[in-house]
Amino acid sequence: MGCIEEMSYEILLGNTSFKECADFIKKNYREIYYVPPGYKIFDVYLIGVPPIPLGVDNDFVILPYIKPCHGSFVLKVPGAGEIRSLRSGK
């Protein structure tokens, strides 16, 4: 299993609720894909309230990330390969 901590990422919104993370993505990004909890991206399984919004901004994936005991965050992660998968519905 992958680890977000080992990846290059930027925190766009930190230590907040999952709802605020989802709302942030829906409000600030035009290209959005909705995935179910357990969706695997960057070799990490997402958790959250369905449907989970994932934004795309150029070659970056914008995602809500829940870190148990620390809260929810919106992360901006480079991921051209993951974007191709999202766009193709795989």
PDB file of N, CA and C in Angstrom:
ATOM      1  N   MET A   1       0.836  -1.187   0.000  1.00  0.00           N
ATOM      2  CA  MET A   1       0.000   0.000   0.000  1.00  0.00           C
ATOM      3  C   MET A   1       0.875   1.242   0.000  1.00  0.00           C
ATOM      4  N   GLY A   2       0.464   2.252  -0.736  1.00  0.00           N
ATOM      5  CA  GLY A   2       1.214   3.491  -0.836  1.00  0.00           C
ATOM      6  C   GLY A   2       1.079   4.351   0.401  1.00  0.00           C
ATOM      7  N   CYS A   3       1.848   5.407   0.419  1.00  0.00           N
ATOM      8  CA  CYS A   3       1.805   6.325   1.545  1.00  0.00           C
ATOM      9  C   CYS A   3       1.843   7.754   1.023  1.00  0.00           C
ATOM     10  N   ILE A   4       0.816   8.509   1.306  1.00  0.00           N
ATOM     11  CA  ILE A   4       0.747   9.906   0.871  1.00  0.00           C
ATOM     12  C   ILE A   4       1.942  10.684   1.407  1.00  0.00           C
ATOM     13  N   GLU A   5       2.362  10.378   2.613  1.00  0.00           N
ATOM     14  CA  GLU A   5       3.472  11.106   3.234  1.00  0.00           C
ATOM     15  C   GLU A   5       4.763  11.015   2.420  1.00  0.00           C
ATOM     16  N   GLU A   6       4.909   9.974   1.599  1.00  0.00           N
ATOM     17  CA  GLU A   6       6.114   9.793   0.795  1.00  0.00           C
ATOM     18  C   GLU A   6       6.016  10.470  -0.567  1.00  0.00           C
ATOM     19  N   MET A   7       4.874  11.087  -0.852  1.00  0.00           N
ATOM     20  CA  MET A   7       4.653  11.706  -2.151  1.00  0.00           C
ATOM     21  C   MET A   7       4.901  13.206  -2.084  1.00  0.00           C
ATOM     22  N   SER A   8       5.054  13.791  -3.262  1.00  0.00           N
ATOM     23  CA  SER A   8       5.161  15.244  -3.367  1.00  0.00           C
ATOM     24  C   SER A   8       3.729  15.781  -3.408  1.00  0.00           C
ATOM     25  N   TYR A   9       3.358  16.609  -2.457  1.00  0.00           N
ATOM     26  CA  TYR A   9       2.002  17.154  -2.423  1.00  0.00           C
ATOM     27  C   TYR A   9       2.018  18.538  -1.798  1.00  0.00           C
ATOM     28  N   GLU A  10       0.923  19.248  -2.046  1.00  0.00           N
ATOM     29  CA  GLU A  10       0.720  20.566  -1.432  1.00  0.00           C
ATOM     30  C   GLU A  10      -0.608  20.510  -0.684  1.00  0.00           C
ATOM     31  N   ILE A  11      -0.634  21.025   0.530  1.00  0.00           N
ATOM     32  CA  ILE A  11      -1.870  21.095   1.307  1.00  0.00           C
ATOM     33  C   ILE A  11      -2.581  22.392   0.932  1.00  0.00           C
ATOM     34  N   LEU A  12      -3.793  22.255   0.368  1.00  0.00           N
ATOM     35  CA  LEU A  12      -4.570  23.430  -0.021  1.00  0.00           C
ATOM     36  C   LEU A  12      -5.531  23.864   1.080  1.00  0.00           C
ATOM     37  N   LEU A  13      -5.964  22.919   1.887  1.00  0.00           N
ATOM     38  CA  LEU A  13      -6.880  23.186   3.001  1.00  0.00           C
ATOM     39  C   LEU A  13      -6.553  22.155   4.065  1.00  0.00           C
ATOM     40  N   GLY A  14      -6.344  22.591   5.285  1.00  0.00           N
ATOM     41  CA  GLY A  14      -5.888  21.649   6.294  1.00  0.00           C
ATOM     42  C   GLY A  14      -6.719  21.576   7.542  1.00  0.00           C
ATOM     43  N   ASN A  15      -6.652  20.409   8.154  1.00  0.00           N
ATOM     44  CA  ASN A  15      -7.230  20.146   9.470  1.00  0.00           C
ATOM     45  C   ASN A  15      -8.655  20.675   9.582  1.00  0.00           C
ATOM     46  N   THR A  16      -9.528  20.143   8.748  1.00  0.00           N
ATOM     47  CA  THR A  16     -10.919  20.579   8.695  1.00  0.00           C
ATOM     48  C   THR A  16     -11.820  19.360   8.582  1.00  0.00           C
ATOM     49  N   SER A  17     -13.085  19.562   8.315  1.00  0.00           N
ATOM     50  CA  SER A  17     -14.009  18.438   8.184  1.00  0.00           C
ATOM     51  C   SER A  17     -14.000  17.902   6.752  1.00  0.00           C
ATOM     52  N   PHE A  18     -14.446  16.666   6.594  1.00  0.00           N
ATOM     53  CA  PHE A  18     -14.518  16.091   5.259  1.00  0.00           C
ATOM     54  C   PHE A  18     -15.490  16.881   4.392  1.00  0.00           C
ATOM     55  N   LYS A  19     -16.601  17.318   4.954  1.00  0.00           N
ATOM     56  CA  LYS A  19     -17.594  18.094   4.208  1.00  0.00           C
ATOM     57  C   LYS A  19     -16.968  19.384   3.675  1.00  0.00           C
ATOM     58  N   GLU A  20     -16.186  20.064   4.493  1.00  0.00           N
ATOM     59  CA  GLU A  20     -15.527  21.293   4.039  1.00  0.00           C
ATOM     60  C   GLU A  20     -14.521  21.006   2.921  1.00  0.00           C
ATOM     61  N   CYS A  21     -13.857  19.865   2.995  1.00  0.00           N
ATOM     62  CA  CYS A  21     -12.922  19.475   1.936  1.00  0.00           C
ATOM     63  C   CYS A  21     -13.678  19.234   0.628  1.00  0.00           C
ATOM     64  N   ALA A  22     -14.761  18.466   0.711  1.00  0.00           N
ATOM     65  CA  ALA A  22     -15.556  18.173  -0.483  1.00  0.00           C
ATOM     66  C   ALA A  22     -16.124  19.460  -1.075  1.00  0.00           C
ATOM     67  N   ASP A  23     -16.643  20.338  -0.241  1.00  0.00           N
ATOM     68  CA  ASP A  23     -17.191  21.612  -0.716  1.00  0.00           C
ATOM     69  C   ASP A  23     -16.118  22.477  -1.373  1.00  0.00           C
ATOM     70  N   PHE A  24     -14.913  22.487  -0.809  1.00  0.00           N
ATOM     71  CA  PHE A  24     -13.796  23.254  -1.365  1.00  0.00           C
ATOM     72  C   PHE A  24     -13.482  22.784  -2.787  1.00  0.00           C
ATOM     73  N   ILE A  25     -13.418  21.472  -2.972  1.00  0.00           N
ATOM     74  CA  ILE A  25     -13.111  20.916  -4.294  1.00  0.00           C
ATOM     75  C   ILE A  25     -14.228  21.252  -5.278  1.00  0.00           C
ATOM     76  N   LYS A  26     -15.478  21.057  -4.874  1.00  0.00           N
ATOM     77  CA  LYS A  26     -16.611  21.325  -5.764  1.00  0.00           C
ATOM     78  C   LYS A  26     -16.692  22.801  -6.149  1.00  0.00           C
ATOM     79  N   LYS A  27     -16.319  23.687  -5.241  1.00  0.00           N
ATOM     80  CA  LYS A  27     -16.411  25.128  -5.488  1.00  0.00           C
ATOM     81  C   LYS A  27     -15.259  25.648  -6.351  1.00  0.00           C
ATOM     82  N   ASN A  28     -14.072  25.067  -6.224  1.00  0.00           N
ATOM     83  CA  ASN A  28     -12.878  25.634  -6.831  1.00  0.00           C
ATOM     84  C   ASN A  28     -12.359  24.943  -8.098  1.00  0.00           C
ATOM     85  N   TYR A  29     -12.949  23.819  -8.475  1.00  0.00           N
ATOM     86  CA  TYR A  29     -12.451  23.092  -9.643  1.00  0.00           C
ATOM     87  C   TYR A  29     -13.599  22.752 -10.584  1.00  0.00           C
ATOM     88  N   ARG A  30     -13.341  22.891 -11.870  1.00  0.00           N
ATOM     89  CA  ARG A  30     -14.370  22.645 -12.880  1.00  0.00           C
ATOM     90  C   ARG A  30     -14.423  21.171 -13.263  1.00  0.00           C
ATOM     91  N   GLU A  31     -13.266  20.531 -13.345  1.00  0.00           N
ATOM     92  CA  GLU A  31     -13.213  19.122 -13.735  1.00  0.00           C
ATOM     93  C   GLU A  31     -13.200  18.269 -12.469  1.00  0.00           C
ATOM     94  N   ILE A  32     -14.328  17.616 -12.206  1.00  0.00           N
ATOM     95  CA  ILE A  32     -14.494  16.835 -10.974  1.00  0.00           C
ATOM     96  C   ILE A  32     -15.004  15.445 -11.322  1.00  0.00           C
ATOM     97  N   TYR A  33     -14.455  14.460 -10.648  1.00  0.00           N
ATOM     98  CA  TYR A  33     -14.891  13.071 -10.790  1.00  0.00           C
ATOM     99  C   TYR A  33     -15.298  12.586  -9.410  1.00  0.00           C
ATOM    100  N   TYR A  34     -16.382  11.845  -9.356  1.00  0.00           N
ATOM    101  CA  TYR A  34     -16.885  11.325  -8.086  1.00  0.00           C
ATOM    102  C   TYR A  34     -16.591   9.838  -8.000  1.00  0.00           C
ATOM    103  N   VAL A  35     -15.991   9.440  -6.885  1.00  0.00           N
ATOM    104  CA  VAL A  35     -15.602   8.044  -6.683  1.00  0.00           C
ATOM    105  C   VAL A  35     -16.167   7.551  -5.352  1.00  0.00           C
ATOM    106  N   PRO A  36     -16.323   6.241  -5.222  1.00  0.00           N
ATOM    107  CA  PRO A  36     -16.829   5.689  -3.962  1.00  0.00           C
ATOM    108  C   PRO A  36     -15.709   5.536  -2.929  1.00  0.00           C
ATOM    109  N   PRO A  37     -16.057   5.438  -1.640  1.00  0.00           N
ATOM    110  CA  PRO A  37     -15.047   5.116  -0.629  1.00  0.00           C
ATOM    111  C   PRO A  37     -14.380   3.790  -1.015  1.00  0.00           C
ATOM    112  N   GLY A  38     -13.109   3.693  -0.756  1.00  0.00           N
ATOM    113  CA  GLY A  38     -12.357   2.497  -1.117  1.00  0.00           C
ATOM    114  C   GLY A  38     -11.716   2.600  -2.492  1.00  0.00           C
ATOM    115  N   TYR A  39     -11.992   3.706  -3.208  1.00  0.00           N
ATOM    116  CA  TYR A  39     -11.383   3.913  -4.525  1.00  0.00           C
ATOM    117  C   TYR A  39      -9.867   4.006  -4.339  1.00  0.00           C
ATOM    118  N   LYS A  40      -9.134   3.322  -5.207  1.00  0.00           N
ATOM    119  CA  LYS A  40      -7.672   3.297  -5.096  1.00  0.00           C
ATOM    120  C   LYS A  40      -7.057   4.303  -6.061  1.00  0.00           C
ATOM    121  N   ILE A  41      -6.306   5.238  -5.515  1.00  0.00           N
ATOM    122  CA  ILE A  41      -5.590   6.230  -6.303  1.00  0.00           C
ATOM    123  C   ILE A  41      -4.221   6.437  -5.651  1.00  0.00           C
ATOM    124  N   PHE A  42      -3.193   6.539  -6.463  1.00  0.00           N
ATOM    125  CA  PHE A  42      -1.818   6.654  -5.948  1.00  0.00           C
ATOM    126  C   PHE A  42      -1.473   5.489  -5.019  1.00  0.00           C
ATOM    127  N   ASP A  43      -2.071   4.339  -5.282  1.00  0.00           N
ATOM    128  CA  ASP A  43      -1.851   3.138  -4.468  1.00  0.00           C
ATOM    129  C   ASP A  43      -2.321   3.316  -3.020  1.00  0.00           C
ATOM    130  N   VAL A  44      -3.297   4.215  -2.840  1.00  0.00           N
ATOM    131  CA  VAL A  44      -3.889   4.484  -1.529  1.00  0.00           C
ATOM    132  C   VAL A  44      -5.404   4.349  -1.673  1.00  0.00           C
ATOM    133  N   TYR A  45      -6.053   3.731  -0.698  1.00  0.00           N
ATOM    134  CA  TYR A  45      -7.506   3.604  -0.715  1.00  0.00           C
ATOM    135  C   TYR A  45      -8.120   4.801   0.010  1.00  0.00           C
ATOM    136  N   LEU A  46      -9.014   5.509  -0.678  1.00  0.00           N
ATOM    137  CA  LEU A  46      -9.647   6.690  -0.094  1.00  0.00           C
ATOM    138  C   LEU A  46     -10.764   6.307   0.864  1.00  0.00           C
ATOM    139  N   ILE A  47     -10.888   7.076   1.922  1.00  0.00           N
ATOM    140  CA  ILE A  47     -12.016   6.934   2.835  1.00  0.00           C
ATOM    141  C   ILE A  47     -12.735   8.277   2.885  1.00  0.00           C
ATOM    142  N   GLY A  48     -14.019   8.228   3.165  1.00  0.00           N
ATOM    143  CA  GLY A  48     -14.793   9.456   3.228  1.00  0.00           C
ATOM    144  C   GLY A  48     -16.265   9.189   2.982  1.00  0.00           C
ATOM    145  N   VAL A  49     -17.038  10.250   2.996  1.00  0.00           N
ATOM    146  CA  VAL A  49     -18.479  10.176   2.792  1.00  0.00           C
ATOM    147  C   VAL A  49     -18.746  10.179   1.284  1.00  0.00           C
ATOM    148  N   PRO A  50     -19.479   9.175   0.793  1.00  0.00           N
ATOM    149  CA  PRO A  50     -19.712   9.114  -0.649  1.00  0.00           C
ATOM    150  C   PRO A  50     -20.715  10.167  -1.122  1.00  0.00           C
ATOM    151  N   PRO A  51     -20.578  10.579  -2.383  1.00  0.00           N
ATOM    152  CA  PRO A  51     -19.464  10.295  -3.283  1.00  0.00           C
ATOM    153  C   PRO A  51     -18.295  11.231  -2.999  1.00  0.00           C
ATOM    154  N   ILE A  52     -17.094  10.730  -3.167  1.00  0.00           N
ATOM    155  CA  ILE A  52     -15.889  11.511  -2.885  1.00  0.00           C
ATOM    156  C   ILE A  52     -15.496  12.277  -4.152  1.00  0.00           C
ATOM    157  N   PRO A  53     -15.427  13.626  -4.082  1.00  0.00           N
ATOM    158  CA  PRO A  53     -15.037  14.395  -5.258  1.00  0.00           C
ATOM    159  C   PRO A  53     -13.512  14.462  -5.411  1.00  0.00           C
ATOM    160  N   LEU A  54     -13.060  14.229  -6.641  1.00  0.00           N
ATOM    161  CA  LEU A  54     -11.652  14.388  -6.982  1.00  0.00           C
ATOM    162  C   LEU A  54     -11.579  15.434  -8.080  1.00  0.00           C
ATOM    163  N   GLY A  55     -10.814  16.486  -7.858  1.00  0.00           N
ATOM    164  CA  GLY A  55     -10.665  17.531  -8.858  1.00  0.00           C
ATOM    165  C   GLY A  55      -9.425  17.304  -9.700  1.00  0.00           C
ATOM    166  N   VAL A  56      -9.458  17.852 -10.905  1.00  0.00           N
ATOM    167  CA  VAL A  56      -8.296  17.800 -11.788  1.00  0.00           C
ATOM    168  C   VAL A  56      -7.948  19.234 -12.168  1.00  0.00           C
ATOM    169  N   ASP A  57      -6.676  19.567 -12.016  1.00  0.00           N
ATOM    170  CA  ASP A  57      -6.175  20.894 -12.354  1.00  0.00           C
ATOM    171  C   ASP A  57      -4.849  20.718 -13.092  1.00  0.00           C
ATOM    172  N   ASN A  58      -4.895  20.833 -14.426  1.00  0.00           N
ATOM    173  CA  ASN A  58      -3.732  20.560 -15.270  1.00  0.00           C
ATOM    174  C   ASN A  58      -3.240  19.140 -15.014  1.00  0.00           C
ATOM    175  N   ASP A  59      -2.024  18.953 -14.522  1.00  0.00           N
ATOM    176  CA  ASP A  59      -1.489  17.608 -14.262  1.00  0.00           C
ATOM    177  C   ASP A  59      -1.543  17.235 -12.783  1.00  0.00           C
ATOM    178  N   PHE A  60      -2.468  17.847 -12.050  1.00  0.00           N
ATOM    179  CA  PHE A  60      -2.594  17.582 -10.619  1.00  0.00           C
ATOM    180  C   PHE A  60      -3.967  17.019 -10.282  1.00  0.00           C
ATOM    181  N   VAL A  61      -3.982  16.113  -9.324  1.00  0.00           N
ATOM    182  CA  VAL A  61      -5.229  15.601  -8.765  1.00  0.00           C
ATOM    183  C   VAL A  61      -5.445  16.327  -7.442  1.00  0.00           C
ATOM    184  N   ILE A  62      -6.647  16.820  -7.238  1.00  0.00           N
ATOM    185  CA  ILE A  62      -7.013  17.498  -6.001  1.00  0.00           C
ATOM    186  C   ILE A  62      -7.932  16.542  -5.252  1.00  0.00           C
ATOM    187  N   LEU A  63      -7.547  16.137  -4.055  1.00  0.00           N
ATOM    188  CA  LEU A  63      -8.336  15.122  -3.361  1.00  0.00           C
ATOM    189  C   LEU A  63      -8.477  15.405  -1.882  1.00  0.00           C
ATOM    190  N   PRO A  64      -9.619  14.977  -1.337  1.00  0.00           N
ATOM    191  CA  PRO A  64      -9.760  15.052   0.117  1.00  0.00           C
ATOM    192  C   PRO A  64      -9.047  13.845   0.715  1.00  0.00           C
ATOM    193  N   TYR A  65      -8.318  14.072   1.765  1.00  0.00           N
ATOM    194  CA  TYR A  65      -7.561  12.997   2.392  1.00  0.00           C
ATOM    195  C   TYR A  65      -7.808  13.049   3.894  1.00  0.00           C
ATOM    196  N   ILE A  66      -8.245  11.933   4.422  1.00  0.00           N
ATOM    197  CA  ILE A  66      -8.492  11.839   5.863  1.00  0.00           C
ATOM    198  C   ILE A  66      -7.303  11.143   6.504  1.00  0.00           C
ATOM    199  N   LYS A  67      -6.704  11.840   7.448  1.00  0.00           N
ATOM    200  CA  LYS A  67      -5.601  11.262   8.214  1.00  0.00           C
ATOM    201  C   LYS A  67      -6.156  11.013   9.618  1.00  0.00           C
ATOM    202  N   PRO A  68      -6.409   9.743   9.949  1.00  0.00           N
ATOM    203  CA  PRO A  68      -6.991   9.446  11.255  1.00  0.00           C
ATOM    204  C   PRO A  68      -6.247  10.146  12.398  1.00  0.00           C
ATOM    205  N   CYS A  69      -6.996  10.678  13.308  1.00  0.00           N
ATOM    206  CA  CYS A  69      -6.504  11.404  14.483  1.00  0.00           C
ATOM    207  C   CYS A  69      -5.969  12.803  14.159  1.00  0.00           C
ATOM    208  N   HIS A  70      -5.972  13.193  12.884  1.00  0.00           N
ATOM    209  CA  HIS A  70      -5.448  14.508  12.512  1.00  0.00           C
ATOM    210  C   HIS A  70      -6.443  15.353  11.735  1.00  0.00           C
ATOM    211  N   GLY A  71      -7.489  14.746  11.200  1.00  0.00           N
ATOM    212  CA  GLY A  71      -8.493  15.495  10.465  1.00  0.00           C
ATOM    213  C   GLY A  71      -8.449  15.256   8.979  1.00  0.00           C
ATOM    214  N   SER A  72      -9.163  16.091   8.249  1.00  0.00           N
ATOM    215  CA  SER A  72      -9.257  15.990   6.800  1.00  0.00           C
ATOM    216  C   SER A  72      -8.486  17.135   6.155  1.00  0.00           C
ATOM    217  N   PHE A  73      -7.946  16.855   4.984  1.00  0.00           N
ATOM    218  CA  PHE A  73      -7.134  17.809   4.257  1.00  0.00           C
ATOM    219  C   PHE A  73      -7.500  17.752   2.778  1.00  0.00           C
ATOM    220  N   VAL A  74      -7.281  18.844   2.057  1.00  0.00           N
ATOM    221  CA  VAL A  74      -7.348  18.824   0.596  1.00  0.00           C
ATOM    222  C   VAL A  74      -5.909  18.877   0.111  1.00  0.00           C
ATOM    223  N   LEU A  75      -5.537  17.872  -0.684  1.00  0.00           N
ATOM    224  CA  LEU A  75      -4.176  17.774  -1.190  1.00  0.00           C
ATOM    225  C   LEU A  75      -4.146  17.972  -2.696  1.00  0.00           C
ATOM    226  N   LYS A  76      -3.072  18.572  -3.171  1.00  0.00           N
ATOM    227  CA  LYS A  76      -2.808  18.733  -4.596  1.00  0.00           C
ATOM    228  C   LYS A  76      -1.591  17.868  -4.898  1.00  0.00           C
ATOM    229  N   VAL A  77      -1.798  16.816  -5.716  1.00  0.00           N
ATOM    230  CA  VAL A  77      -0.758  15.821  -5.960  1.00  0.00           C
ATOM    231  C   VAL A  77      -0.529  15.686  -7.467  1.00  0.00           C
ATOM    232  N   PRO A  78       0.741  15.728  -7.934  1.00  0.00           N
ATOM    233  CA  PRO A  78       0.979  15.495  -9.353  1.00  0.00           C
ATOM    234  C   PRO A  78       0.568  14.073  -9.717  1.00  0.00           C
ATOM    235  N   GLY A  79      -0.122  13.928 -10.843  1.00  0.00           N
ATOM    236  CA  GLY A  79      -0.576  12.584 -11.179  1.00  0.00           C
ATOM    237  C   GLY A  79      -1.184  12.429 -12.552  1.00  0.00           C
ATOM    238  N   ALA A  80      -0.395  12.631 -13.595  1.00  0.00           N
ATOM    239  CA  ALA A  80      -0.908  12.518 -14.964  1.00  0.00           C
ATOM    240  C   ALA A  80      -1.479  11.123 -15.232  1.00  0.00           C
ATOM    241  N   GLY A  81      -0.816  10.080 -14.751  1.00  0.00           N
ATOM    242  CA  GLY A  81      -1.307   8.715 -14.959  1.00  0.00           C
ATOM    243  C   GLY A  81      -2.636   8.478 -14.275  1.00  0.00           C
ATOM    244  N   GLU A  82      -2.790   8.993 -13.090  1.00  0.00           N
ATOM    245  CA  GLU A  82      -4.048   8.836 -12.350  1.00  0.00           C
ATOM    246  C   GLU A  82      -5.170   9.621 -13.028  1.00  0.00           C
ATOM    247  N   ILE A  83      -4.822  10.766 -13.610  1.00  0.00           N
ATOM    248  CA  ILE A  83      -5.826  11.577 -14.304  1.00  0.00           C
ATOM    249  C   ILE A  83      -6.350  10.824 -15.517  1.00  0.00           C
ATOM    250  N   ARG A  84      -5.461  10.151 -16.247  1.00  0.00           N
ATOM    251  CA  ARG A  84      -5.920   9.344 -17.393  1.00  0.00           C
ATOM    252  C   ARG A  84      -6.909   8.278 -16.938  1.00  0.00           C
ATOM    253  N   SER A  85      -6.643   7.642 -15.811  1.00  0.00           N
ATOM    254  CA  SER A  85      -7.550   6.612 -15.284  1.00  0.00           C
ATOM    255  C   SER A  85      -8.899   7.215 -14.900  1.00  0.00           C
ATOM    256  N   LEU A  86      -8.874   8.376 -14.251  1.00  0.00           N
ATOM    257  CA  LEU A  86     -10.115   9.029 -13.869  1.00  0.00           C
ATOM    258  C   LEU A  86     -10.952   9.385 -15.106  1.00  0.00           C
ATOM    259  N   ARG A  87     -10.301   9.953 -16.094  1.00  0.00           N
ATOM    260  CA  ARG A  87     -11.008  10.371 -17.310  1.00  0.00           C
ATOM    261  C   ARG A  87     -11.560   9.189 -18.095  1.00  0.00           C
ATOM    262  N   SER A  88     -10.880   8.071 -18.040  1.00  0.00           N
ATOM    263  CA  SER A  88     -11.351   6.904 -18.778  1.00  0.00           C
ATOM    264  C   SER A  88     -12.382   6.096 -17.995  1.00  0.00           C
ATOM    265  N   GLY A  89     -12.573   6.461 -16.723  1.00  0.00           N
ATOM    266  CA  GLY A  89     -13.554   5.752 -15.894  1.00  0.00           C
ATOM    267  C   GLY A  89     -13.053   4.444 -15.324  1.00  0.00           C
ATOM    268  N   LYS A  90     -11.746   4.238 -15.316  1.00  0.00           N
ATOM    269  CA  LYS A  90     -11.186   2.982 -14.793  1.00  0.00           C
ATOM    270  C   LYS A  90     -10.704   3.145 -13.373  1.00  0.00           C
TER     271      LYS A  90
END
